[in-house]
N, C-alpha and C. Protein backbone atom coordinates (compact mmCIF):
# COMPACT_ATOMS: atom_id res chain seq x y z
N MET A 1 -4.56 0.92 -8.11
CA MET A 1 -4.66 0.89 -9.27
C MET A 1 -5.46 1.02 -9.85
N GLN A 2 -5.31 1.92 -10.94
CA GLN A 2 -5.91 2.25 -11.60
C GLN A 2 -5.66 2.46 -13.47
N ILE A 3 -6.70 1.97 -13.53
CA ILE A 3 -6.90 1.94 -15.89
C ILE A 3 -7.94 3.13 -16.19
N LYS A 4 -7.23 3.56 -17.10
CA LYS A 4 -8.23 4.99 -17.22
C LYS A 4 -8.05 4.35 -19.07
N ALA A 5 -9.72 4.31 -19.53
CA ALA A 5 -9.34 4.24 -20.69
C ALA A 5 -10.33 5.35 -21.59
N GLU A 6 -10.00 5.83 -22.60
CA GLU A 6 -10.40 7.21 -23.29
C GLU A 6 -10.65 6.84 -24.98
N ASN A 7 -12.19 7.04 -25.58
CA ASN A 7 -12.52 7.11 -26.27
C ASN A 7 -11.89 5.72 -27.73
N LEU A 8 -12.50 4.24 -26.90
CA LEU A 8 -11.58 3.71 -27.38
C LEU A 8 -12.30 2.84 -28.38
N ARG A 9 -11.73 2.68 -30.18
CA ARG A 9 -12.70 2.50 -31.00
C ARG A 9 -11.76 1.16 -31.51
N LYS A 10 -12.94 0.25 -32.13
CA LYS A 10 -12.21 -1.10 -32.40
C LYS A 10 -12.40 -1.12 -33.87
N GLU A 11 -11.45 -1.47 -35.00
CA GLU A 11 -12.41 -2.19 -35.81
C GLU A 11 -11.22 -3.49 -36.92
N TYR A 12 -12.23 -4.07 -37.33
CA TYR A 12 -12.18 -5.55 -37.72
C TYR A 12 -12.17 -5.48 -39.40
N ASN A 13 -10.66 -5.47 -40.30
CA ASN A 13 -11.37 -5.24 -41.63
C ASN A 13 -12.24 -4.35 -42.05
N GLY A 14 -12.37 -3.04 -41.81
CA GLY A 14 -12.69 -1.66 -41.84
C GLY A 14 -14.41 -2.48 -41.29
N ARG A 15 -14.13 -3.11 -40.22
CA ARG A 15 -15.85 -3.27 -39.92
C ARG A 15 -15.63 -2.49 -38.50
N LEU A 16 -16.57 -1.96 -37.75
CA LEU A 16 -16.79 -1.12 -36.87
C LEU A 16 -17.30 -2.14 -35.41
N ILE A 17 -15.95 -2.85 -34.59
CA ILE A 17 -16.62 -3.22 -33.81
C ILE A 17 -17.84 -2.42 -32.55
N PHE A 18 -16.65 -1.47 -31.65
CA PHE A 18 -17.46 -0.56 -31.37
C PHE A 18 -16.46 0.63 -31.45
N LYS A 19 -17.00 1.55 -30.50
CA LYS A 19 -16.51 2.83 -30.78
C LYS A 19 -16.79 4.13 -28.92
N ASN A 20 -15.99 5.10 -28.92
CA ASN A 20 -16.57 5.85 -27.89
C ASN A 20 -16.65 5.20 -26.26
N ILE A 21 -15.33 4.28 -25.86
CA ILE A 21 -15.33 3.41 -24.99
C ILE A 21 -14.70 4.44 -23.87
N ASN A 22 -15.14 4.61 -22.80
CA ASN A 22 -14.55 5.85 -21.92
C ASN A 22 -14.57 5.60 -20.06
N LEU A 23 -13.61 4.57 -20.10
CA LEU A 23 -13.69 4.12 -18.37
C LEU A 23 -13.16 4.81 -17.13
N GLU A 24 -13.29 4.77 -16.51
CA GLU A 24 -12.30 5.12 -15.29
C GLU A 24 -12.20 4.03 -13.97
N ILE A 25 -11.24 3.02 -14.18
CA ILE A 25 -11.58 1.84 -12.98
C ILE A 25 -10.47 2.63 -12.19
N GLY A 26 -11.27 1.72 -10.89
CA GLY A 26 -9.87 2.13 -9.89
C GLY A 26 -10.68 0.52 -8.65
N ASP A 27 -9.65 0.98 -7.74
CA ASP A 27 -9.15 -0.61 -6.63
C ASP A 27 -10.83 -0.54 -6.44
N ARG A 28 -11.18 -1.63 -5.36
CA ARG A 28 -12.66 -2.56 -4.90
C ARG A 28 -13.32 -2.16 -5.97
N THR A 29 -13.57 -2.22 -7.49
CA THR A 29 -14.20 -1.80 -8.10
C THR A 29 -14.67 -3.51 -8.92
N CYS A 30 -15.73 -3.49 -9.49
CA CYS A 30 -15.97 -4.79 -10.76
C CYS A 30 -16.26 -4.16 -11.45
N ILE A 31 -16.29 -3.99 -12.76
CA ILE A 31 -17.18 -3.81 -14.01
C ILE A 31 -17.46 -5.24 -14.79
N ALA A 32 -18.57 -4.91 -15.17
CA ALA A 32 -18.90 -6.33 -15.96
C ALA A 32 -19.20 -5.19 -17.62
N VAL A 33 -18.25 -5.94 -18.52
CA VAL A 33 -19.31 -5.47 -20.16
C VAL A 33 -19.99 -6.85 -20.30
N THR A 34 -21.19 -6.38 -20.89
CA THR A 34 -22.11 -7.70 -21.71
C THR A 34 -22.73 -6.39 -22.94
N GLY A 35 -23.03 -7.26 -23.70
CA GLY A 35 -23.78 -7.08 -24.99
C GLY A 35 -24.38 -8.05 -25.79
N ILE A 36 -24.76 -8.00 -26.83
CA ILE A 36 -24.98 -9.13 -28.04
C ILE A 36 -24.18 -10.24 -28.32
N ASN A 37 -23.63 -11.10 -28.85
CA ASN A 37 -22.80 -12.06 -28.84
C ASN A 37 -22.39 -11.37 -30.18
N GLY A 38 -21.06 -11.02 -30.48
CA GLY A 38 -20.44 -10.70 -31.83
C GLY A 38 -19.87 -8.62 -31.40
N SER A 39 -20.57 -8.67 -29.91
CA SER A 39 -20.78 -7.22 -29.71
C SER A 39 -18.97 -6.11 -29.93
N GLY A 40 -18.54 -7.59 -28.85
CA GLY A 40 -16.97 -7.05 -29.38
C GLY A 40 -16.56 -7.26 -27.57
N LYS A 41 -17.38 -7.85 -26.81
CA LYS A 41 -17.20 -7.99 -25.02
C LYS A 41 -15.71 -8.78 -24.48
N THR A 42 -15.53 -9.78 -25.62
CA THR A 42 -14.09 -10.28 -25.43
C THR A 42 -13.39 -9.29 -26.10
N THR A 43 -13.51 -8.79 -27.01
CA THR A 43 -12.46 -7.74 -28.31
C THR A 43 -11.79 -6.87 -26.89
N LEU A 44 -12.93 -6.01 -26.34
CA LEU A 44 -13.01 -4.82 -24.93
C LEU A 44 -12.11 -5.64 -23.92
N ILE A 45 -11.95 -6.70 -23.35
CA ILE A 45 -11.45 -6.98 -22.38
C ILE A 45 -9.98 -7.37 -22.96
N ARG A 46 -9.81 -8.15 -24.13
CA ARG A 46 -8.63 -8.00 -24.45
C ARG A 46 -7.44 -7.06 -24.56
N ILE A 47 -8.40 -5.60 -25.07
CA ILE A 47 -7.62 -3.79 -25.05
C ILE A 47 -7.37 -3.93 -23.81
N LEU A 48 -8.21 -4.18 -22.53
CA LEU A 48 -8.32 -3.50 -21.86
C LEU A 48 -6.88 -4.48 -21.23
N ALA A 49 -6.70 -5.85 -21.20
CA ALA A 49 -5.26 -6.29 -20.59
C ALA A 49 -4.17 -5.81 -21.74
N ASN A 50 -4.00 -5.29 -22.59
CA ASN A 50 -3.20 -4.96 -23.64
C ASN A 50 -2.46 -5.97 -24.35
N LEU A 51 -3.46 -7.04 -24.99
CA LEU A 51 -3.72 -7.97 -25.26
C LEU A 51 -3.86 -7.80 -26.80
N VAL A 52 -4.42 -6.91 -27.28
CA VAL A 52 -4.88 -6.35 -28.22
C VAL A 52 -5.14 -4.63 -28.47
N SER A 53 -4.56 -4.49 -29.59
CA SER A 53 -4.45 -2.77 -29.55
C SER A 53 -5.23 -2.18 -30.03
N PRO A 54 -5.89 -0.95 -29.62
CA PRO A 54 -7.72 -0.11 -30.01
C PRO A 54 -7.27 0.29 -31.57
N THR A 55 -7.83 0.39 -32.18
CA THR A 55 -7.95 1.31 -33.65
C THR A 55 -7.80 2.69 -33.45
N MET A 56 -8.60 3.08 -31.49
CA MET A 56 -8.25 4.59 -32.25
C MET A 56 -8.48 4.44 -30.48
N GLY A 57 -7.90 5.08 -29.57
CA GLY A 57 -8.18 5.85 -28.03
C GLY A 57 -7.26 5.28 -27.43
N LYS A 58 -6.79 5.47 -26.20
CA LYS A 58 -5.63 5.41 -25.01
C LYS A 58 -5.97 4.43 -24.12
N ILE A 59 -5.03 4.20 -23.96
CA ILE A 59 -5.31 3.00 -22.37
C ILE A 59 -4.15 3.64 -21.38
N THR A 60 -4.55 4.11 -19.94
CA THR A 60 -3.05 4.22 -19.07
C THR A 60 -3.13 3.55 -17.66
N TYR A 61 -2.24 3.01 -17.13
CA TYR A 61 -2.80 2.05 -16.16
C TYR A 61 -1.73 3.02 -15.06
N GLN A 62 -1.91 2.67 -13.37
CA GLN A 62 -1.12 3.73 -12.80
C GLN A 62 -1.63 2.77 -11.61
N SER A 63 -0.62 2.94 -10.73
CA SER A 63 -0.09 2.39 -9.60
C SER A 63 0.04 3.04 -8.21
N LYS A 64 -0.12 3.63 -7.69
CA LYS A 64 -0.07 4.27 -6.51
C LYS A 64 0.87 5.82 -7.37
N GLY A 65 -0.45 6.41 -8.33
CA GLY A 65 -0.08 7.80 -8.51
C GLY A 65 1.00 7.51 -10.22
N ALA A 66 1.63 6.91 -10.34
CA ALA A 66 2.69 6.24 -10.92
C ALA A 66 2.39 5.68 -12.33
N GLU A 67 2.57 6.22 -13.35
CA GLU A 67 2.64 5.42 -15.09
C GLU A 67 3.06 4.08 -14.68
N ILE A 68 2.49 2.97 -15.23
CA ILE A 68 2.80 1.75 -15.51
C ILE A 68 3.01 1.47 -17.12
N SER A 69 4.41 1.00 -17.85
CA SER A 69 4.34 1.03 -18.68
C SER A 69 3.33 -0.18 -19.78
N LYS A 70 2.93 -0.03 -20.85
CA LYS A 70 2.36 -1.19 -21.50
C LYS A 70 2.69 -2.06 -21.09
N GLU A 71 4.47 -2.64 -21.68
CA GLU A 71 5.15 -3.50 -21.62
C GLU A 71 5.42 -4.41 -20.15
N LYS A 72 5.11 -3.54 -19.07
CA LYS A 72 5.50 -4.21 -17.78
C LYS A 72 3.84 -4.39 -17.30
N ILE A 73 2.35 -3.57 -17.83
CA ILE A 73 1.22 -4.10 -17.51
C ILE A 73 1.16 -5.36 -17.00
N HIS A 74 1.31 -6.55 -17.40
CA HIS A 74 0.94 -7.96 -17.63
C HIS A 74 1.54 -8.73 -15.82
N GLN A 75 2.66 -7.72 -15.83
CA GLN A 75 3.05 -8.06 -14.47
C GLN A 75 1.93 -7.86 -13.18
N TYR A 76 1.26 -7.30 -13.57
CA TYR A 76 -0.01 -6.83 -12.51
C TYR A 76 -1.41 -7.19 -12.74
N CYS A 77 -1.77 -7.96 -14.14
CA CYS A 77 -3.15 -8.69 -14.11
C CYS A 77 -2.78 -9.68 -14.63
N SER A 78 -3.83 -10.65 -14.34
CA SER A 78 -4.23 -12.12 -15.33
C SER A 78 -5.54 -12.08 -15.64
N LEU A 79 -5.07 -13.34 -16.68
CA LEU A 79 -7.04 -12.80 -17.53
C LEU A 79 -6.98 -14.51 -17.29
N VAL A 80 -8.52 -15.08 -17.41
CA VAL A 80 -8.93 -16.08 -17.31
C VAL A 80 -10.33 -16.05 -18.62
N SER A 81 -10.21 -16.97 -19.40
CA SER A 81 -10.94 -16.87 -20.77
C SER A 81 -11.16 -18.92 -21.70
N PRO A 82 -12.54 -19.08 -21.71
CA PRO A 82 -12.33 -20.06 -22.50
C PRO A 82 -11.24 -19.96 -23.96
N TYR A 83 -10.56 -19.16 -24.27
CA TYR A 83 -10.02 -19.59 -25.86
C TYR A 83 -8.70 -19.32 -25.19
N LEU A 84 -8.04 -19.08 -23.43
CA LEU A 84 -6.97 -19.26 -23.31
C LEU A 84 -6.09 -20.41 -23.11
N GLU A 85 -5.00 -20.68 -23.36
CA GLU A 85 -4.61 -22.60 -23.60
C GLU A 85 -3.26 -22.70 -23.42
N LEU A 86 -3.24 -22.90 -22.32
CA LEU A 86 -2.47 -24.09 -20.96
C LEU A 86 -1.37 -24.91 -22.34
N TYR A 87 -0.38 -25.25 -22.13
CA TYR A 87 0.76 -25.95 -22.54
C TYR A 87 0.29 -27.21 -22.26
N GLN A 88 -0.40 -28.01 -23.18
CA GLN A 88 -1.13 -29.17 -23.66
C GLN A 88 -0.31 -30.84 -23.16
N ASP A 89 0.86 -30.66 -23.12
CA ASP A 89 1.83 -31.54 -23.09
C ASP A 89 2.45 -31.36 -21.68
N LEU A 90 2.34 -30.30 -21.22
CA LEU A 90 3.03 -29.87 -20.03
C LEU A 90 1.97 -31.02 -18.41
N THR A 91 2.69 -31.05 -17.31
CA THR A 91 1.89 -30.92 -16.26
C THR A 91 1.17 -29.70 -15.55
N ALA A 92 0.26 -29.81 -15.21
CA ALA A 92 -0.32 -28.65 -14.50
C ALA A 92 0.47 -28.03 -13.83
N ARG A 93 1.81 -28.90 -13.14
CA ARG A 93 2.51 -27.92 -11.91
C ARG A 93 3.28 -27.36 -12.44
N GLU A 94 3.78 -28.28 -14.19
CA GLU A 94 4.47 -27.29 -15.04
C GLU A 94 4.68 -26.31 -15.73
N ASN A 95 3.36 -25.85 -15.81
CA ASN A 95 2.39 -25.14 -16.74
C ASN A 95 2.80 -23.90 -15.40
N LEU A 96 2.08 -24.21 -14.24
CA LEU A 96 2.55 -23.07 -13.16
C LEU A 96 3.50 -22.96 -12.56
N TRP A 97 4.61 -23.72 -12.66
CA TRP A 97 5.81 -23.53 -12.04
C TRP A 97 6.67 -21.78 -13.49
N PHE A 98 6.14 -22.51 -14.61
CA PHE A 98 6.37 -21.16 -15.62
C PHE A 98 5.98 -20.11 -15.56
N LEU A 99 4.87 -20.11 -15.12
CA LEU A 99 4.22 -18.77 -15.05
C LEU A 99 4.64 -18.13 -13.75
N GLY A 100 4.98 -19.04 -12.69
CA GLY A 100 5.34 -18.24 -11.19
C GLY A 100 6.70 -17.73 -11.34
N LYS A 101 7.70 -18.46 -12.40
CA LYS A 101 8.49 -18.05 -12.13
C LYS A 101 8.94 -17.11 -13.04
N LEU A 102 8.27 -16.89 -13.81
CA LEU A 102 8.26 -15.53 -15.21
C LEU A 102 7.48 -14.69 -14.07
N LYS A 103 6.54 -14.41 -13.08
CA LYS A 103 5.89 -13.48 -12.56
C LYS A 103 6.45 -13.23 -11.03
N LYS A 104 7.91 -13.63 -11.01
CA LYS A 104 8.34 -13.55 -9.68
C LYS A 104 7.67 -14.11 -9.05
N VAL A 105 7.05 -15.50 -8.53
CA VAL A 105 5.66 -15.07 -7.78
C VAL A 105 6.59 -16.13 -6.25
N GLU A 106 6.88 -15.69 -5.26
CA GLU A 106 6.80 -16.11 -3.78
C GLU A 106 6.37 -17.09 -3.63
N LYS A 107 6.82 -17.94 -2.55
CA LYS A 107 6.16 -19.56 -1.90
C LYS A 107 5.37 -19.93 -3.00
N LEU A 108 6.33 -19.76 -4.12
CA LEU A 108 5.92 -20.44 -5.25
C LEU A 108 4.63 -21.88 -4.61
N ASP A 109 5.86 -23.32 -4.75
CA ASP A 109 4.67 -24.18 -4.32
C ASP A 109 3.51 -24.44 -3.45
N SER A 110 3.88 -23.99 -1.96
CA SER A 110 2.71 -23.16 -1.10
C SER A 110 1.34 -23.16 -1.68
N LYS A 111 1.76 -22.16 -2.66
CA LYS A 111 0.43 -20.94 -3.75
C LYS A 111 -0.49 -21.99 -4.67
N ILE A 112 0.46 -23.75 -5.34
CA ILE A 112 0.37 -24.02 -6.26
C ILE A 112 -0.43 -25.11 -5.17
N ASP A 113 0.01 -25.64 -4.07
CA ASP A 113 -1.38 -26.40 -3.41
C ASP A 113 -2.13 -25.55 -2.93
N ARG A 114 -1.91 -24.54 -2.62
CA ARG A 114 -3.44 -24.77 -2.15
C ARG A 114 -4.22 -23.93 -3.20
N LEU A 115 -4.43 -23.46 -4.03
CA LEU A 115 -5.09 -23.19 -5.12
C LEU A 115 -5.49 -24.53 -5.70
N MET A 116 -5.12 -25.37 -6.03
CA MET A 116 -4.82 -26.91 -6.55
C MET A 116 -6.42 -27.35 -5.71
N ASN A 117 -6.37 -26.77 -4.65
CA ASN A 117 -7.13 -27.72 -3.39
C ASN A 117 -7.94 -27.32 -3.83
N ARG A 118 -8.11 -25.58 -4.06
CA ARG A 118 -9.36 -24.96 -3.62
C ARG A 118 -10.25 -25.28 -4.63
N PHE A 119 -9.41 -25.08 -6.18
CA PHE A 119 -10.60 -25.46 -7.29
C PHE A 119 -10.33 -26.90 -7.66
N GLY A 120 -10.56 -28.07 -6.32
CA GLY A 120 -11.03 -29.29 -6.55
C GLY A 120 -9.71 -29.85 -7.68
N LEU A 121 -8.29 -29.51 -7.55
CA LEU A 121 -7.64 -30.52 -8.26
C LEU A 121 -6.53 -31.02 -7.59
N LYS A 122 -6.56 -31.00 -6.05
CA LYS A 122 -5.76 -31.83 -5.37
C LYS A 122 -5.33 -33.24 -5.95
N GLY A 123 -4.06 -33.40 -6.42
CA GLY A 123 -4.34 -34.56 -6.60
C GLY A 123 -3.56 -34.72 -7.69
N ARG A 124 -4.23 -34.24 -8.84
CA ARG A 124 -3.88 -34.19 -10.34
C ARG A 124 -2.72 -33.12 -10.70
N GLU A 125 -2.28 -32.74 -9.77
CA GLU A 125 -0.95 -31.04 -10.35
C GLU A 125 -0.66 -32.04 -11.40
N ASP A 126 0.72 -33.03 -11.04
CA ASP A 126 1.18 -34.06 -11.86
C ASP A 126 1.17 -34.67 -13.27
N GLU A 127 -0.10 -34.81 -13.08
CA GLU A 127 -1.14 -35.48 -14.33
C GLU A 127 -0.88 -34.46 -16.10
N ALA A 128 -0.58 -34.59 -16.69
CA ALA A 128 -0.27 -33.64 -18.24
C ALA A 128 -1.91 -33.10 -18.58
N VAL A 129 -2.17 -31.38 -18.81
CA VAL A 129 -3.22 -30.90 -19.42
C VAL A 129 -3.78 -31.52 -20.14
N LYS A 130 -3.67 -31.51 -21.35
CA LYS A 130 -4.20 -32.62 -21.92
C LYS A 130 -5.14 -33.65 -21.55
N ASN A 131 -4.83 -34.54 -20.38
CA ASN A 131 -5.86 -35.70 -20.13
C ASN A 131 -6.58 -35.05 -18.95
N TYR A 132 -6.84 -33.62 -18.75
CA TYR A 132 -7.61 -32.92 -18.17
C TYR A 132 -9.01 -33.05 -18.66
N SER A 133 -10.53 -32.98 -18.23
CA SER A 133 -11.44 -32.54 -19.06
C SER A 133 -11.55 -30.94 -18.78
N SER A 134 -12.83 -30.74 -19.46
CA SER A 134 -12.77 -28.88 -20.28
C SER A 134 -13.01 -28.33 -18.98
N GLY A 135 -13.67 -29.55 -18.14
CA GLY A 135 -14.21 -28.63 -16.62
C GLY A 135 -12.84 -28.34 -15.90
N MET A 136 -11.97 -29.47 -15.91
CA MET A 136 -10.61 -29.18 -15.26
C MET A 136 -10.38 -28.74 -15.60
N LYS A 137 -10.07 -28.24 -17.13
CA LYS A 137 -8.85 -27.02 -17.75
C LYS A 137 -8.91 -25.52 -17.14
N GLN A 138 -11.01 -25.36 -17.09
CA GLN A 138 -11.33 -24.02 -16.66
C GLN A 138 -10.89 -23.44 -15.54
N ARG A 139 -11.06 -24.87 -14.48
CA ARG A 139 -10.99 -24.67 -13.17
C ARG A 139 -9.27 -24.01 -13.07
N LEU A 140 -7.99 -24.88 -13.96
CA LEU A 140 -6.83 -24.74 -13.87
C LEU A 140 -6.40 -23.46 -14.33
N LYS A 141 -7.66 -22.80 -15.29
CA LYS A 141 -6.75 -21.30 -15.94
C LYS A 141 -7.08 -20.87 -14.59
N TYR A 142 -7.78 -20.71 -13.75
CA TYR A 142 -8.78 -19.97 -12.49
C TYR A 142 -7.23 -19.82 -11.93
N VAL A 143 -6.31 -21.39 -11.34
CA VAL A 143 -5.59 -20.82 -10.66
C VAL A 143 -4.28 -20.47 -10.87
N PHE A 144 -4.02 -20.65 -13.30
CA PHE A 144 -3.03 -19.75 -13.44
C PHE A 144 -3.10 -18.66 -13.10
N ALA A 145 -4.36 -17.83 -13.17
CA ALA A 145 -4.39 -16.56 -12.80
C ALA A 145 -4.19 -15.86 -11.98
N LEU A 146 -4.51 -16.65 -10.87
CA LEU A 146 -4.33 -16.31 -9.42
C LEU A 146 -3.19 -16.42 -8.80
N ILE A 147 -2.29 -17.55 -9.33
CA ILE A 147 -1.35 -18.04 -8.48
C ILE A 147 -0.42 -16.72 -8.17
N SER A 148 -0.10 -15.05 -9.23
CA SER A 148 0.64 -14.15 -8.71
C SER A 148 -0.38 -13.26 -7.63
N ASP A 149 -1.28 -13.63 -7.75
CA ASP A 149 -2.38 -12.61 -6.68
C ASP A 149 -2.59 -11.38 -7.28
N PRO A 150 -3.05 -11.46 -8.53
CA PRO A 150 -2.92 -10.11 -9.35
C PRO A 150 -3.58 -8.89 -9.24
N GLU A 151 -3.44 -7.77 -9.48
CA GLU A 151 -3.90 -6.37 -8.83
C GLU A 151 -5.20 -6.36 -10.15
N ILE A 152 -4.70 -6.69 -11.03
CA ILE A 152 -5.90 -6.68 -12.12
C ILE A 152 -6.72 -8.02 -12.40
N LEU A 153 -8.06 -8.73 -12.31
CA LEU A 153 -8.18 -9.82 -13.01
C LEU A 153 -9.30 -9.47 -14.07
N PHE A 154 -8.63 -10.12 -15.23
CA PHE A 154 -9.80 -9.87 -16.05
C PHE A 154 -10.54 -11.69 -16.33
N VAL A 155 -11.50 -11.32 -16.49
CA VAL A 155 -12.63 -12.57 -16.75
C VAL A 155 -13.67 -12.51 -17.77
N ASP A 156 -13.48 -13.56 -18.58
CA ASP A 156 -14.42 -13.52 -20.19
C ASP A 156 -15.23 -14.88 -19.76
N GLU A 157 -16.30 -14.74 -19.26
CA GLU A 157 -17.68 -15.43 -19.65
C GLU A 157 -16.84 -16.82 -18.01
N PRO A 158 -17.23 -16.00 -17.12
CA PRO A 158 -17.00 -16.78 -15.64
C PRO A 158 -17.14 -17.93 -15.57
N ARG A 159 -18.45 -18.53 -15.84
CA ARG A 159 -19.08 -19.57 -15.33
C ARG A 159 -18.76 -20.59 -16.29
N SER A 160 -18.27 -20.38 -17.58
CA SER A 160 -17.82 -21.22 -19.15
C SER A 160 -17.24 -22.77 -18.58
N ASN A 161 -17.77 -24.24 -18.75
CA ASN A 161 -17.82 -24.58 -18.50
C ASN A 161 -17.24 -25.48 -17.25
N LEU A 162 -17.89 -24.82 -16.44
CA LEU A 162 -17.14 -25.08 -15.08
C LEU A 162 -19.20 -25.76 -14.76
N ASP A 163 -19.15 -26.84 -13.40
CA ASP A 163 -20.30 -27.31 -12.80
C ASP A 163 -20.56 -26.23 -11.76
N ASP A 164 -21.63 -27.17 -10.75
CA ASP A 164 -21.85 -26.16 -9.57
C ASP A 164 -21.39 -25.67 -8.50
N HIS A 165 -20.32 -26.39 -8.16
CA HIS A 165 -19.21 -26.65 -7.62
C HIS A 165 -18.28 -25.61 -7.91
N GLY A 166 -17.88 -26.06 -9.01
CA GLY A 166 -16.84 -24.64 -9.75
C GLY A 166 -17.69 -23.59 -9.93
N ILE A 167 -18.38 -23.09 -10.24
CA ILE A 167 -19.48 -22.10 -9.83
C ILE A 167 -19.07 -21.29 -9.00
N ARG A 168 -19.77 -21.82 -7.27
CA ARG A 168 -19.67 -21.11 -6.38
C ARG A 168 -18.16 -20.56 -6.11
N THR A 169 -16.89 -21.97 -6.24
CA THR A 169 -15.35 -21.24 -6.16
C THR A 169 -15.33 -19.89 -7.09
N VAL A 170 -15.62 -19.89 -7.60
CA VAL A 170 -15.58 -18.39 -9.24
C VAL A 170 -15.98 -17.32 -8.00
N TYR A 171 -17.46 -17.33 -7.88
CA TYR A 171 -17.87 -16.33 -7.18
C TYR A 171 -17.33 -16.04 -5.88
N GLU A 172 -16.92 -16.96 -5.37
CA GLU A 172 -16.25 -16.86 -3.84
C GLU A 172 -14.85 -15.86 -4.45
N VAL A 173 -14.18 -16.13 -5.56
CA VAL A 173 -12.81 -15.60 -6.25
C VAL A 173 -13.30 -13.79 -6.65
N LEU A 174 -14.52 -14.29 -7.38
CA LEU A 174 -14.92 -13.03 -7.90
C LEU A 174 -15.04 -12.01 -6.66
N GLU A 175 -16.08 -12.42 -5.87
CA GLU A 175 -16.22 -11.26 -4.32
C GLU A 175 -14.63 -10.95 -3.59
N GLU A 176 -13.95 -11.64 -3.60
CA GLU A 176 -12.61 -11.66 -2.96
C GLU A 176 -11.74 -10.84 -3.67
N GLN A 177 -11.96 -10.79 -4.96
CA GLN A 177 -11.06 -9.81 -6.14
C GLN A 177 -11.23 -8.28 -5.79
N LYS A 178 -12.73 -8.09 -6.13
CA LYS A 178 -13.22 -6.69 -6.09
C LYS A 178 -13.54 -6.44 -4.64
N LYS A 179 -13.13 -7.12 -3.67
CA LYS A 179 -13.02 -6.11 -2.37
C LYS A 179 -11.72 -5.11 -1.95
N ASN A 180 -10.40 -5.45 -2.64
CA ASN A 180 -9.32 -4.95 -2.56
C ASN A 180 -8.95 -4.31 -4.13
N LYS A 181 -9.32 -5.36 -4.72
CA LYS A 181 -8.21 -4.61 -5.85
C LYS A 181 -9.54 -5.02 -7.40
N ILE A 182 -8.51 -4.76 -8.30
CA ILE A 182 -9.79 -4.72 -9.64
C ILE A 182 -10.42 -5.73 -10.49
N LEU A 183 -11.41 -5.88 -10.68
CA LEU A 183 -12.11 -6.97 -11.40
C LEU A 183 -13.00 -7.06 -12.56
N ILE A 184 -12.44 -7.06 -13.65
CA ILE A 184 -13.06 -6.72 -14.74
C ILE A 184 -13.60 -8.27 -15.60
N MET A 185 -15.09 -8.01 -15.98
CA MET A 185 -15.44 -9.26 -16.50
C MET A 185 -16.16 -8.98 -17.74
N ALA A 186 -16.17 -10.02 -18.70
CA ALA A 186 -17.37 -9.84 -19.97
C ALA A 186 -18.43 -11.32 -19.69
N THR A 187 -19.74 -10.77 -19.29
CA THR A 187 -20.76 -11.75 -19.33
C THR A 187 -21.94 -11.16 -19.92
N ASN A 188 -23.12 -12.18 -20.13
CA ASN A 188 -24.58 -11.71 -20.05
C ASN A 188 -25.30 -12.88 -18.69
N GLU A 189 -24.52 -13.43 -18.40
CA GLU A 189 -25.23 -14.24 -16.91
C GLU A 189 -25.97 -13.19 -16.61
N LYS A 190 -26.98 -13.34 -15.63
CA LYS A 190 -27.45 -12.19 -14.63
C LYS A 190 -26.98 -12.86 -13.31
N GLU A 191 -26.55 -13.87 -12.96
CA GLU A 191 -25.99 -14.22 -11.66
C GLU A 191 -24.62 -13.70 -11.43
N ASP A 192 -23.45 -13.29 -12.65
CA ASP A 192 -22.19 -12.66 -12.86
C ASP A 192 -22.76 -11.24 -12.41
N LEU A 193 -23.34 -10.93 -13.11
CA LEU A 193 -23.79 -9.28 -13.06
C LEU A 193 -24.43 -8.65 -11.86
N LYS A 194 -24.10 -9.45 -10.76
CA LYS A 194 -25.03 -8.91 -9.69
C LYS A 194 -23.79 -8.66 -8.73
N TYR A 195 -22.79 -9.11 -9.40
CA TYR A 195 -20.91 -8.67 -8.51
C TYR A 195 -20.43 -7.56 -9.17
N ALA A 196 -21.06 -6.98 -10.03
CA ALA A 196 -20.68 -5.62 -10.66
C ALA A 196 -21.31 -4.45 -10.16
N ASP A 197 -19.87 -3.64 -10.13
CA ASP A 197 -20.41 -2.26 -9.78
C ASP A 197 -20.55 -1.38 -10.28
N ARG A 198 -20.59 -1.67 -11.88
CA ARG A 198 -20.91 -0.66 -12.98
C ARG A 198 -21.17 -2.36 -13.91
N ILE A 199 -21.89 -1.66 -14.72
CA ILE A 199 -22.29 -2.57 -16.27
C ILE A 199 -21.94 -1.69 -17.10
N VAL A 200 -20.92 -1.85 -17.98
CA VAL A 200 -21.20 -1.57 -19.76
C VAL A 200 -21.31 -1.91 -20.32
N ARG A 201 -22.42 -1.49 -21.04
CA ARG A 201 -23.41 -2.69 -22.44
C ARG A 201 -22.38 -1.93 -23.81
N ILE A 202 -21.98 -2.61 -24.17
CA ILE A 202 -21.68 -2.48 -25.93
C ILE A 202 -22.62 -2.74 -26.44
N ASP A 203 -23.56 -2.45 -27.98
CA ASP A 203 -24.42 -2.37 -28.81
C ASP A 203 -24.04 -3.39 -29.62
N GLY A 204 -22.18 -3.30 -30.32
CA GLY A 204 -22.22 -3.71 -31.66
C GLY A 204 -22.45 -3.00 -32.90
């Protein structure tokens, strides 16, 4: 996989968020986006994940040398973020089944069991998400993101709402992701930045 961003610029209501962002990201790479609050870290992550359009600039995605259309890139990537909302009235399993079927995940039941256990949520699969604590919801978001074995994993604020055990599990996941695939995260935490091969600083 490869992502190439050329001359990205983003404005909101006439206010410049950032400009002149150029990136080339390939497999076995971790990019960390950092900067002061309000500098546009989350916005850049959302643009790279094709959730928000840049005001100017171009992003191309390739797999094995062939370009992937923006309409299909969601089959290759996943996002973990504090602002990501799951279906609160559905159970964790129902949420995961919905996404798994959408992304055509094979052996879905076994993947759900394995990931729920890994993130300390075993036994809570059939409980409505609205009954989860904030920390449990955040761990579930990682399960949600990893269920499709994404080629590109976007993580905004990796440690958000997590206890020490949850943070250790997340760091294991970050290490695994960057070994063979692409990891792109937005963070200001020094511990998170240790996983980065390249740090992109946005001044805002």
